[in-house]
Amino acid sequence: MPEVTEVFTIRISKELKELMKESGINWSNDIRGYIEARAKSLRLHKLLGKIYKDADKIKVKGDSSQIIREYRDAR
């Protein structure tokens, strides 16, 4: 099944559009790639915030040095 797409439009100056045409760059691909990377980054940032918030709610009881010793002795 083909990917469903949407159109996203921005307004730029004529000067900028001319500069873009002169460059020979595939602006659609470059901008699409940037938007995808930025959106993924924002999603991960939001997820990390949730993880940190949830981690703050977890109470760990015990001495970490004891846990480390037990781990070392088990090896």
N, C-alpha and C. Protein backbone atom coordinates (compact mmCIF):
# COMPACT_ATOMS: atom_id res chain seq x y z
N MET A 1 0.85 -1.18 0.00
CA MET A 1 0.00 0.00 0.00
C MET A 1 0.89 1.24 0.00
N PRO A 2 0.64 2.19 -0.89
CA PRO A 2 1.48 3.40 -0.96
C PRO A 2 1.35 4.26 0.30
N GLU A 3 2.43 4.97 0.58
CA GLU A 3 2.45 5.86 1.73
C GLU A 3 1.52 7.04 1.50
N VAL A 4 0.74 7.37 2.51
CA VAL A 4 -0.16 8.53 2.42
C VAL A 4 0.67 9.77 2.73
N THR A 5 0.56 10.77 1.89
CA THR A 5 1.33 12.00 2.08
C THR A 5 0.42 13.20 2.19
N GLU A 6 0.97 14.26 2.69
CA GLU A 6 0.29 15.55 2.82
C GLU A 6 1.16 16.61 2.18
N VAL A 7 0.55 17.73 1.82
CA VAL A 7 1.29 18.84 1.25
C VAL A 7 1.51 19.88 2.34
N PHE A 8 2.76 20.37 2.43
CA PHE A 8 3.13 21.41 3.39
C PHE A 8 3.70 22.55 2.57
N THR A 9 3.14 23.73 2.70
CA THR A 9 3.54 24.87 1.87
C THR A 9 4.08 25.99 2.75
N ILE A 10 5.15 26.64 2.27
CA ILE A 10 5.67 27.82 2.95
C ILE A 10 5.80 28.95 1.93
N ARG A 11 5.80 30.14 2.43
CA ARG A 11 5.95 31.31 1.56
C ARG A 11 7.37 31.84 1.72
N ILE A 12 8.05 32.06 0.58
CA ILE A 12 9.41 32.60 0.59
C ILE A 12 9.48 33.77 -0.40
N SER A 13 10.51 34.57 -0.27
CA SER A 13 10.66 35.71 -1.17
C SER A 13 11.08 35.24 -2.57
N LYS A 14 10.84 36.10 -3.56
CA LYS A 14 11.26 35.77 -4.93
C LYS A 14 12.77 35.63 -5.01
N GLU A 15 13.47 36.50 -4.30
CA GLU A 15 14.94 36.44 -4.30
C GLU A 15 15.43 35.09 -3.80
N LEU A 16 14.84 34.64 -2.72
CA LEU A 16 15.24 33.35 -2.17
C LEU A 16 14.92 32.22 -3.14
N LYS A 17 13.77 32.28 -3.77
CA LYS A 17 13.40 31.25 -4.72
C LYS A 17 14.38 31.21 -5.89
N GLU A 18 14.81 32.36 -6.36
CA GLU A 18 15.79 32.42 -7.45
C GLU A 18 17.12 31.81 -7.02
N LEU A 19 17.56 32.16 -5.81
CA LEU A 19 18.80 31.59 -5.30
C LEU A 19 18.70 30.07 -5.21
N MET A 20 17.56 29.60 -4.78
CA MET A 20 17.34 28.16 -4.66
C MET A 20 17.40 27.49 -6.05
N LYS A 21 16.79 28.12 -7.04
CA LYS A 21 16.81 27.57 -8.41
C LYS A 21 18.23 27.51 -8.96
N GLU A 22 19.00 28.57 -8.70
CA GLU A 22 20.37 28.65 -9.20
C GLU A 22 21.28 27.59 -8.58
N SER A 23 20.97 27.15 -7.39
CA SER A 23 21.86 26.23 -6.68
C SER A 23 21.86 24.82 -7.26
N GLY A 24 20.79 24.42 -7.88
CA GLY A 24 20.71 23.07 -8.43
C GLY A 24 20.46 22.00 -7.37
N ILE A 25 20.14 22.40 -6.18
CA ILE A 25 19.88 21.48 -5.08
C ILE A 25 18.44 21.00 -5.14
N ASN A 26 18.22 19.73 -4.78
CA ASN A 26 16.87 19.20 -4.67
C ASN A 26 16.32 19.62 -3.30
N TRP A 27 15.72 20.78 -3.25
CA TRP A 27 15.28 21.36 -1.99
C TRP A 27 14.20 20.54 -1.32
N SER A 28 13.33 19.93 -2.10
CA SER A 28 12.26 19.12 -1.50
C SER A 28 12.84 18.00 -0.65
N ASN A 29 13.83 17.29 -1.21
CA ASN A 29 14.43 16.19 -0.45
C ASN A 29 15.18 16.70 0.77
N ASP A 30 15.94 17.78 0.61
CA ASP A 30 16.70 18.33 1.74
C ASP A 30 15.77 18.78 2.86
N ILE A 31 14.73 19.50 2.50
CA ILE A 31 13.81 20.03 3.52
C ILE A 31 13.01 18.89 4.15
N ARG A 32 12.57 17.94 3.35
CA ARG A 32 11.84 16.79 3.87
C ARG A 32 12.72 16.02 4.87
N GLY A 33 13.97 15.80 4.51
CA GLY A 33 14.90 15.12 5.41
C GLY A 33 15.09 15.86 6.71
N TYR A 34 15.23 17.19 6.62
CA TYR A 34 15.39 17.99 7.83
C TYR A 34 14.16 17.89 8.72
N ILE A 35 12.98 18.02 8.12
CA ILE A 35 11.73 17.97 8.89
C ILE A 35 11.58 16.61 9.57
N GLU A 36 11.88 15.53 8.84
CA GLU A 36 11.78 14.19 9.42
C GLU A 36 12.74 14.04 10.60
N ALA A 37 13.98 14.48 10.42
CA ALA A 37 14.97 14.36 11.50
C ALA A 37 14.56 15.20 12.71
N ARG A 38 14.08 16.40 12.46
CA ARG A 38 13.67 17.29 13.55
C ARG A 38 12.48 16.72 14.30
N ALA A 39 11.50 16.18 13.57
CA ALA A 39 10.32 15.59 14.20
C ALA A 39 10.70 14.38 15.05
N LYS A 40 11.61 13.54 14.54
CA LYS A 40 12.06 12.38 15.31
C LYS A 40 12.81 12.83 16.56
N SER A 41 13.63 13.86 16.42
CA SER A 41 14.37 14.39 17.55
C SER A 41 13.41 14.91 18.62
N LEU A 42 12.39 15.63 18.21
CA LEU A 42 11.40 16.16 19.16
C LEU A 42 10.65 15.03 19.85
N ARG A 43 10.31 13.97 19.09
CA ARG A 43 9.62 12.82 19.67
C ARG A 43 10.50 12.16 20.72
N LEU A 44 11.79 11.98 20.41
CA LEU A 44 12.71 11.36 21.36
C LEU A 44 12.90 12.23 22.60
N HIS A 45 12.98 13.54 22.39
CA HIS A 45 13.13 14.47 23.51
C HIS A 45 11.92 14.37 24.45
N LYS A 46 10.74 14.30 23.86
CA LYS A 46 9.51 14.17 24.65
C LYS A 46 9.51 12.84 25.40
N LEU A 47 9.93 11.77 24.73
CA LEU A 47 9.98 10.45 25.36
C LEU A 47 10.99 10.43 26.50
N LEU A 48 12.15 11.05 26.30
CA LEU A 48 13.14 11.12 27.37
C LEU A 48 12.61 11.88 28.58
N GLY A 49 11.87 12.94 28.32
CA GLY A 49 11.26 13.69 29.41
C GLY A 49 10.32 12.81 30.22
N LYS A 50 9.53 12.01 29.52
CA LYS A 50 8.60 11.09 30.19
C LYS A 50 9.38 10.04 30.98
N ILE A 51 10.45 9.52 30.39
CA ILE A 51 11.25 8.50 31.07
C ILE A 51 11.86 9.07 32.36
N TYR A 52 12.42 10.28 32.27
CA TYR A 52 13.00 10.91 33.47
C TYR A 52 11.94 11.16 34.53
N LYS A 53 10.76 11.60 34.08
CA LYS A 53 9.67 11.87 35.02
C LYS A 53 9.25 10.57 35.71
N ASP A 54 9.11 9.50 34.92
CA ASP A 54 8.73 8.21 35.50
C ASP A 54 9.83 7.66 36.40
N ALA A 55 11.09 7.86 36.03
CA ALA A 55 12.21 7.37 36.83
C ALA A 55 12.26 8.05 38.20
N ASP A 56 11.86 9.31 38.24
CA ASP A 56 11.85 10.03 39.51
C ASP A 56 10.85 9.43 40.49
N LYS A 57 9.83 8.77 39.97
CA LYS A 57 8.79 8.17 40.81
C LYS A 57 9.25 6.84 41.41
N ILE A 58 10.28 6.25 40.83
CA ILE A 58 10.74 4.95 41.29
C ILE A 58 11.67 5.13 42.48
N LYS A 59 11.35 4.48 43.54
CA LYS A 59 12.16 4.54 44.75
C LYS A 59 12.97 3.25 44.86
N VAL A 60 14.27 3.40 44.92
CA VAL A 60 15.15 2.25 45.05
C VAL A 60 15.62 2.20 46.50
N LYS A 61 15.39 1.05 47.11
CA LYS A 61 15.81 0.89 48.49
C LYS A 61 17.03 -0.03 48.51
N GLY A 62 18.01 0.35 49.25
CA GLY A 62 19.19 -0.48 49.36
C GLY A 62 20.44 0.31 49.07
N ASP A 63 21.53 -0.37 49.30
CA ASP A 63 22.84 0.23 49.12
C ASP A 63 23.40 -0.22 47.78
N SER A 64 23.72 0.70 46.92
CA SER A 64 24.23 0.33 45.59
C SER A 64 25.55 -0.40 45.68
N SER A 65 26.36 -0.10 46.67
CA SER A 65 27.64 -0.79 46.80
C SER A 65 27.42 -2.27 47.10
N GLN A 66 26.37 -2.59 47.85
CA GLN A 66 26.04 -3.99 48.13
C GLN A 66 25.63 -4.70 46.85
N ILE A 67 24.85 -4.05 46.03
CA ILE A 67 24.41 -4.64 44.75
C ILE A 67 25.61 -4.89 43.85
N ILE A 68 26.53 -3.94 43.81
CA ILE A 68 27.74 -4.08 42.98
C ILE A 68 28.57 -5.25 43.48
N ARG A 69 28.73 -5.38 44.78
CA ARG A 69 29.50 -6.50 45.35
C ARG A 69 28.87 -7.85 44.98
N GLU A 70 27.56 -7.93 45.12
CA GLU A 70 26.87 -9.17 44.77
C GLU A 70 27.06 -9.50 43.29
N TYR A 71 27.00 -8.50 42.45
CA TYR A 71 27.19 -8.71 41.03
C TYR A 71 28.60 -9.21 40.73
N ARG A 72 29.58 -8.61 41.37
CA ARG A 72 30.98 -9.02 41.16
C ARG A 72 31.22 -10.44 41.65
N ASP A 73 30.63 -10.76 42.81
CA ASP A 73 30.82 -12.11 43.37
C ASP A 73 30.15 -13.18 42.53
N ALA A 74 29.10 -12.82 41.83
CA ALA A 74 28.37 -13.79 41.00
C ALA A 74 29.16 -14.15 39.75
N ARG A 75 30.10 -13.33 39.38
CA ARG A 75 30.89 -13.57 38.15
C ARG A 75 31.94 -14.52 38.46
